[in-house]
Amino acid sequence: MGDVALITPVLSGMRKQYPDIELVLVTRPAYKAFFSSINGLRFFSPDLKKRHKGLPGLLRLFKDIRKQSEIDHVIDLHDVLRSKVLRLMFRLSGVPVSVIDKGRSEKRSLITGKNKVQLKHSVERYCDVFNRAGFPVTPDKGTLVVPSAETLLKVRSLTDPEAELIIGVAPYAKHKLKMWPEENMISLLHLISEHHKCKFLLFGGNEDAEKLAAFQKKVPGSINLVGKLNLDEELACMSTLNLMIVMDSSNMHMGALVATKVISIWGGTDPLGGFGAWMQPDSFSIRIPVEELTCRPCTIYGKGECKRGDFACMNWQTPELIFKKIEKLNIL
Protein backbone atom coordinates (compact mmCIF):
# COMPACT_ATOMS: atom_id res chain seq x y z
CA MET A 1 0.00 0.00 0.00
CA GLY A 2 2.83 2.40 0.83
CA ASP A 3 4.39 1.92 -2.61
CA VAL A 4 1.09 2.83 -4.26
CA ALA A 5 0.62 5.88 -2.01
CA LEU A 6 4.01 7.22 -3.11
CA ILE A 7 2.85 7.31 -6.75
CA THR A 8 0.43 10.12 -5.85
CA PRO A 9 2.85 13.10 -5.97
CA VAL A 10 4.14 11.93 -9.36
CA LEU A 11 0.74 11.49 -11.01
CA SER A 12 -0.44 14.77 -9.51
CA GLY A 13 2.60 16.48 -11.04
CA MET A 14 1.97 14.78 -14.39
CA ARG A 15 -1.62 15.98 -14.59
CA LYS A 16 -0.60 19.57 -13.83
CA GLN A 17 2.42 19.64 -16.15
CA TYR A 18 0.89 17.62 -19.02
CA PRO A 19 -2.86 18.38 -18.91
CA ASP A 20 -3.38 17.18 -22.49
CA ILE A 21 -1.98 13.71 -21.81
CA GLU A 22 -4.50 11.11 -20.73
CA LEU A 23 -3.36 8.93 -17.84
CA VAL A 24 -4.94 5.55 -17.10
CA LEU A 25 -3.90 4.16 -13.71
CA VAL A 26 -4.22 0.40 -13.27
CA THR A 27 -4.25 -0.62 -9.61
CA ARG A 28 -6.41 -2.31 -6.99
CA PRO A 29 -9.79 -0.66 -6.26
CA ALA A 30 -8.89 -0.34 -2.56
CA TYR A 31 -6.24 2.25 -3.43
CA LYS A 32 -8.44 4.64 -5.39
CA ALA A 33 -8.70 7.01 -2.43
CA PHE A 34 -5.02 7.98 -2.78
CA PHE A 35 -5.75 9.58 -6.14
CA SER A 36 -9.14 11.17 -5.42
CA SER A 37 -7.76 14.72 -5.62
CA ILE A 38 -6.08 14.30 -9.02
CA ASN A 39 -8.35 15.76 -11.67
CA GLY A 40 -8.56 13.98 -15.00
CA LEU A 41 -6.91 10.75 -13.92
CA ARG A 42 -8.66 7.67 -15.29
CA PHE A 43 -8.77 4.74 -12.93
CA PHE A 44 -8.96 1.08 -13.97
CA SER A 45 -9.39 -1.57 -11.27
CA PRO A 46 -8.48 -5.14 -12.23
CA ASP A 47 -10.48 -8.01 -10.75
CA LEU A 48 -7.49 -10.10 -9.67
CA LYS A 49 -9.58 -12.70 -7.86
CA LYS A 50 -11.89 -13.59 -10.76
CA ARG A 51 -11.86 -12.09 -14.25
CA HIS A 52 -8.18 -11.13 -14.27
CA LYS A 53 -6.79 -14.02 -12.22
CA GLY A 54 -3.86 -16.07 -13.53
CA LEU A 55 -2.31 -15.98 -17.00
CA PRO A 56 -5.66 -16.17 -18.87
CA GLY A 57 -6.87 -13.35 -16.65
CA LEU A 58 -3.84 -11.22 -17.52
CA LEU A 59 -4.64 -11.67 -21.19
CA ARG A 60 -8.18 -10.49 -20.47
CA LEU A 61 -6.76 -7.58 -18.46
CA PHE A 62 -4.55 -6.61 -21.41
CA LYS A 63 -7.59 -6.60 -23.71
CA ASP A 64 -9.79 -4.78 -21.19
CA ILE A 65 -7.23 -1.99 -20.74
CA ARG A 66 -6.96 -1.54 -24.50
CA LYS A 67 -10.74 -1.19 -24.68
CA GLN A 68 -10.55 1.73 -22.25
CA SER A 69 -8.36 3.86 -24.46
CA GLU A 70 -5.72 3.74 -27.17
CA ILE A 71 -2.56 3.18 -25.16
CA ASP A 72 0.52 4.97 -26.55
CA HIS A 73 2.96 4.14 -23.75
CA VAL A 74 3.04 1.76 -20.79
CA ILE A 75 4.86 2.74 -17.61
CA ASP A 76 5.52 -0.11 -15.19
CA LEU A 77 6.07 1.30 -11.68
CA HIS A 78 5.94 -2.11 -9.99
CA ASP A 79 8.17 -4.53 -11.91
CA VAL A 80 6.77 -7.76 -10.48
CA LEU A 81 5.75 -10.96 -12.27
CA ARG A 82 2.22 -9.81 -13.05
CA SER A 83 3.31 -6.44 -14.44
CA LYS A 84 6.16 -8.08 -16.38
CA VAL A 85 3.73 -10.37 -18.19
CA LEU A 86 1.32 -7.52 -18.85
CA ARG A 87 3.98 -5.20 -20.24
CA LEU A 88 5.30 -8.00 -22.47
CA MET A 89 1.86 -8.25 -24.05
CA PHE A 90 1.91 -4.53 -24.76
CA ARG A 91 5.42 -4.73 -26.20
CA LEU A 92 4.41 -7.56 -28.52
CA SER A 93 1.52 -5.41 -29.71
CA GLY A 94 3.93 -2.60 -30.58
CA VAL A 95 3.40 -0.33 -27.55
CA PRO A 96 6.62 1.11 -26.04
CA VAL A 97 7.23 0.33 -22.36
CA SER A 98 9.27 2.06 -19.63
CA VAL A 99 10.12 0.21 -16.40
CA ILE A 100 11.15 1.33 -12.94
CA ASP A 101 14.72 0.74 -11.81
CA LYS A 102 14.30 -0.27 -8.16
CA GLY A 103 18.02 0.04 -7.49
CA ARG A 104 18.26 -3.49 -6.11
CA SER A 105 22.07 -3.61 -6.19
CA GLU A 106 22.33 -0.25 -4.38
CA LYS A 107 19.92 -1.49 -1.73
CA ARG A 108 21.93 -4.69 -1.27
CA SER A 109 25.06 -2.60 -0.72
CA LEU A 110 23.21 -0.46 1.80
CA ILE A 111 22.15 -3.36 3.99
CA THR A 112 25.45 -5.26 3.70
CA GLY A 113 27.29 -2.24 5.08
CA LYS A 114 29.29 -1.39 1.99
CA ASN A 115 27.54 1.86 1.14
CA LYS A 116 25.70 3.73 3.94
CA VAL A 117 24.50 6.65 1.82
CA GLN A 118 21.10 8.10 1.01
CA LEU A 119 19.52 6.29 -1.93
CA LYS A 120 16.97 7.80 -4.29
CA HIS A 121 13.54 8.24 -2.80
CA SER A 122 10.86 6.01 -4.34
CA VAL A 123 9.09 9.11 -5.62
CA GLU A 124 12.27 10.07 -7.51
CA ARG A 125 12.50 6.56 -8.96
CA TYR A 126 8.92 6.86 -10.20
CA CYS A 127 9.76 10.22 -11.78
CA ASP A 128 12.75 8.63 -13.52
CA VAL A 129 10.45 6.22 -15.37
CA PHE A 130 8.35 9.08 -16.74
CA ASN A 131 11.54 10.93 -17.66
CA ARG A 132 12.79 7.94 -19.68
CA ALA A 133 9.38 7.75 -21.35
CA GLY A 134 9.86 11.34 -22.56
CA PHE A 135 7.84 13.14 -19.90
CA PRO A 136 10.13 14.90 -17.41
CA VAL A 137 8.02 15.49 -14.34
CA THR A 138 8.42 17.33 -11.04
CA PRO A 139 6.56 15.59 -8.22
CA ASP A 140 3.85 17.56 -6.48
CA LYS A 141 4.26 18.74 -2.89
CA GLY A 142 2.03 19.92 -0.08
CA THR A 143 -1.41 18.43 0.55
CA LEU A 144 -1.84 15.70 -2.05
CA VAL A 145 -5.16 14.24 -0.88
CA VAL A 146 -7.92 16.73 -0.04
CA PRO A 147 -10.88 15.01 1.66
CA SER A 148 -14.39 15.98 0.66
CA ALA A 149 -16.46 18.18 2.99
CA GLU A 150 -18.90 15.31 3.47
CA THR A 151 -16.18 12.89 4.55
CA LEU A 152 -14.62 15.45 6.87
CA LEU A 153 -17.97 16.06 8.52
CA LYS A 154 -18.29 12.36 9.29
CA VAL A 155 -14.85 12.01 10.88
CA ARG A 156 -15.10 15.26 12.86
CA SER A 157 -17.27 13.37 15.33
CA LEU A 158 -14.14 11.49 16.42
CA THR A 159 -12.42 14.63 17.66
CA ASP A 160 -12.72 15.92 21.21
CA PRO A 161 -13.23 19.72 21.50
CA GLU A 162 -11.76 19.62 25.00
CA ALA A 163 -8.59 17.81 23.94
CA GLU A 164 -5.48 19.91 23.51
CA LEU A 165 -4.12 17.46 20.95
CA ILE A 166 -5.57 14.78 18.69
CA ILE A 167 -2.80 12.32 17.91
CA GLY A 168 -2.97 9.40 15.48
CA VAL A 169 -1.04 6.28 16.45
CA ALA A 170 -0.20 3.31 14.22
CA PRO A 171 1.86 1.00 16.49
CA TYR A 172 2.19 -1.93 14.09
CA ALA A 173 3.81 -2.74 10.75
CA LYS A 174 3.74 -5.72 8.41
CA HIS A 175 7.17 -7.02 9.46
CA LYS A 176 8.56 -7.25 13.00
CA LEU A 177 11.91 -5.57 12.21
CA LYS A 178 9.85 -2.40 11.68
CA MET A 179 7.96 -2.59 14.97
CA TRP A 180 8.86 -0.84 18.19
CA PRO A 181 7.94 -3.05 21.18
CA GLU A 182 4.27 -2.48 21.97
CA GLU A 183 4.90 -1.76 25.65
CA ASN A 184 7.25 1.07 24.65
CA MET A 185 4.57 2.74 22.56
CA ILE A 186 2.08 2.44 25.41
CA SER A 187 4.60 4.02 27.80
CA LEU A 188 5.28 6.83 25.32
CA LEU A 189 1.58 7.66 25.05
CA HIS A 190 1.30 7.72 28.84
CA LEU A 191 4.24 10.15 28.96
CA ILE A 192 2.58 12.42 26.39
CA SER A 193 -0.70 12.28 28.35
CA GLU A 194 1.08 13.38 31.51
CA HIS A 195 2.15 16.61 29.81
CA HIS A 196 -0.71 17.27 27.39
CA LYS A 197 -4.46 16.75 27.30
CA CYS A 198 -4.69 14.25 24.43
CA LYS A 199 -6.97 11.99 22.54
CA PHE A 200 -5.34 9.11 20.66
CA LEU A 201 -6.84 7.62 17.48
CA LEU A 202 -5.48 4.15 16.73
CA PHE A 203 -4.89 3.14 13.10
CA GLY A 204 -4.03 -0.25 11.63
CA GLY A 205 -5.09 -2.97 9.20
CA ASN A 206 -7.84 -5.51 9.78
CA GLU A 207 -5.13 -7.98 10.79
CA ASP A 208 -4.34 -5.66 13.73
CA ALA A 209 -7.91 -5.50 15.08
CA GLU A 210 -7.44 -7.90 17.99
CA LYS A 211 -4.08 -6.44 19.04
CA LEU A 212 -5.38 -2.88 18.84
CA ALA A 213 -8.45 -3.76 20.92
CA ALA A 214 -6.11 -4.91 23.70
CA PHE A 215 -3.82 -1.91 23.11
CA GLN A 216 -6.74 0.50 23.49
CA LYS A 217 -7.54 -0.80 26.99
CA LYS A 218 -4.03 0.11 28.13
CA VAL A 219 -4.17 3.69 26.80
CA PRO A 220 -6.84 5.93 28.38
CA GLY A 221 -8.40 8.36 25.94
CA SER A 222 -7.77 6.20 22.87
CA ILE A 223 -10.18 5.05 20.15
CA ASN A 224 -9.56 2.01 17.96
CA LEU A 225 -10.56 2.89 14.38
CA VAL A 226 -9.90 -0.50 12.76
CA GLY A 227 -12.97 -1.63 10.81
CA LYS A 228 -14.81 1.66 11.41
CA LEU A 229 -13.55 3.72 8.45
CA ASN A 230 -12.85 3.12 4.78
CA LEU A 231 -9.63 4.42 3.22
CA ASP A 232 -11.22 7.75 2.18
CA GLU A 233 -12.37 8.30 5.74
CA GLU A 234 -9.03 7.25 7.25
CA LEU A 235 -7.23 9.82 5.11
CA ALA A 236 -9.79 12.46 6.06
CA CYS A 237 -9.38 11.61 9.72
CA MET A 238 -5.60 11.84 9.45
CA SER A 239 -5.92 15.28 7.88
CA THR A 240 -7.57 16.58 11.08
CA LEU A 241 -4.81 15.37 13.44
CA ASN A 242 -2.23 17.48 15.18
CA LEU A 243 0.32 14.70 14.83
CA MET A 244 0.81 11.05 13.92
CA ILE A 245 3.21 8.60 15.57
CA VAL A 246 3.87 5.57 13.39
CA MET A 247 6.28 2.86 12.34
CA ASP A 248 7.83 2.59 8.87
CA SER A 249 4.46 1.59 7.41
CA SER A 250 1.75 2.61 4.95
CA ASN A 251 0.18 4.79 7.67
CA MET A 252 3.32 6.93 7.57
CA HIS A 253 2.82 7.60 3.86
CA MET A 254 -0.91 8.16 4.28
CA GLY A 255 -0.35 10.81 6.93
CA ALA A 256 2.21 12.54 4.71
CA LEU A 257 -0.23 12.64 1.75
CA VAL A 258 -2.67 14.76 3.77
CA ALA A 259 0.22 16.96 5.03
CA THR A 260 -0.10 15.94 8.68
CA LYS A 261 3.05 15.99 10.79
CA VAL A 262 4.29 12.39 11.01
CA ILE A 263 6.77 11.11 13.58
CA SER A 264 8.09 7.73 12.43
CA ILE A 265 10.14 5.31 14.53
CA TRP A 266 12.67 3.21 12.59
CA GLY A 267 14.45 0.00 13.52
CA GLY A 268 15.88 -2.48 11.01
CA THR A 269 14.91 -0.25 8.09
CA ASP A 270 16.05 3.32 7.46
CA PRO A 271 15.01 6.34 5.35
CA LEU A 272 18.37 5.87 3.60
CA GLY A 273 16.65 3.10 1.62
CA GLY A 274 14.41 5.65 -0.11
CA PHE A 275 11.09 4.97 1.60
CA GLY A 276 10.86 7.90 4.01
CA ALA A 277 7.65 9.91 4.38
CA TRP A 278 7.32 12.28 1.42
CA MET A 279 8.17 15.94 2.22
CA GLN A 280 8.46 15.34 5.97
CA PRO A 281 11.55 16.74 7.75
CA ASP A 282 14.32 14.21 8.28
CA SER A 283 14.23 15.01 12.01
CA PHE A 284 10.73 13.48 12.13
CA SER A 285 12.25 10.07 11.27
CA ILE A 286 13.57 8.90 14.65
CA ARG A 287 16.22 6.18 14.64
CA ILE A 288 19.60 5.16 16.04
CA PRO A 289 22.24 6.72 13.73
CA VAL A 290 24.01 4.18 11.53
CA GLU A 291 27.32 5.43 12.94
CA GLU A 292 26.24 4.29 16.42
CA LEU A 293 24.72 1.00 15.31
CA THR A 294 26.54 -0.10 12.19
CA CYS A 295 24.38 -3.20 11.61
CA ARG A 296 21.47 -1.02 10.57
CA PRO A 297 19.81 -0.84 8.22
CA CYS A 298 19.82 -4.62 7.96
CA THR A 299 16.77 -4.82 5.71
CA ILE A 300 14.97 -2.71 3.11
CA TYR A 301 11.43 -3.99 3.63
CA GLY A 302 11.55 -5.24 7.24
CA LYS A 303 11.73 -8.97 6.58
CA GLY A 304 14.01 -11.34 8.47
CA GLU A 305 15.34 -11.66 12.00
CA CYS A 306 17.66 -9.51 14.12
CA LYS A 307 21.16 -10.86 13.49
CA ARG A 308 22.46 -9.42 16.79
CA GLY A 309 19.68 -11.15 18.70
CA ASP A 310 18.93 -8.16 20.96
CA PHE A 311 16.93 -5.97 18.53
CA ALA A 312 19.08 -3.03 19.63
CA CYS A 313 17.82 -0.73 16.86
CA MET A 314 14.41 -0.63 18.56
CA ASN A 315 15.20 -1.55 22.18
CA TRP A 316 17.81 1.20 22.55
CA GLN A 317 15.06 3.71 21.75
CA THR A 318 13.31 4.00 25.11
CA PRO A 319 9.95 5.77 25.54
CA GLU A 320 11.72 8.52 27.52
CA LEU A 321 14.25 9.05 24.73
CA ILE A 322 11.55 9.22 22.03
CA PHE A 323 9.47 11.60 24.17
CA LYS A 324 12.43 13.95 24.63
CA LYS A 325 13.11 13.93 20.89
CA ILE A 326 9.47 14.75 20.10
CA GLU A 327 9.39 17.53 22.71
CA LYS A 328 12.59 18.99 21.24
CA LEU A 329 10.90 19.26 17.85
CA ASN A 330 8.26 21.62 19.37
CA ILE A 331 5.39 19.92 17.57
CA LEU A 332 3.27 19.03 20.62
Foldseek 3Di string as FASTA:
>chain_A
DLLVLLCLQFLLQCCVVPVPDQAEDEDAPLPVQSNVPRPRHHYDHQPCVPCLDDPNSLVVVLVVVCVVDPDQEAEALDPDPSVVSNVVVVVVVPHYYFYFDLVVVVVVCCLVLNDVAADAASSVSSQVRCVVVVHRTDGHADQRRDADPVLLVVLVVVDDPPFPFEEEEEQDAPAPQQHFPLVQVLVLLVVVVVVGRYAYEYDDELVCVVVVVVSCVSHPRYDYCYPPDRPSNVLSNLLPGLEYEYTLHSVLQSNRNRPHAYQYEGALADCSSNSHHPPHDPLSYDWDDCVVVVSHNNDHRNDDDDPVPPSCGNVVCGSVNVNVSVVVVVSD
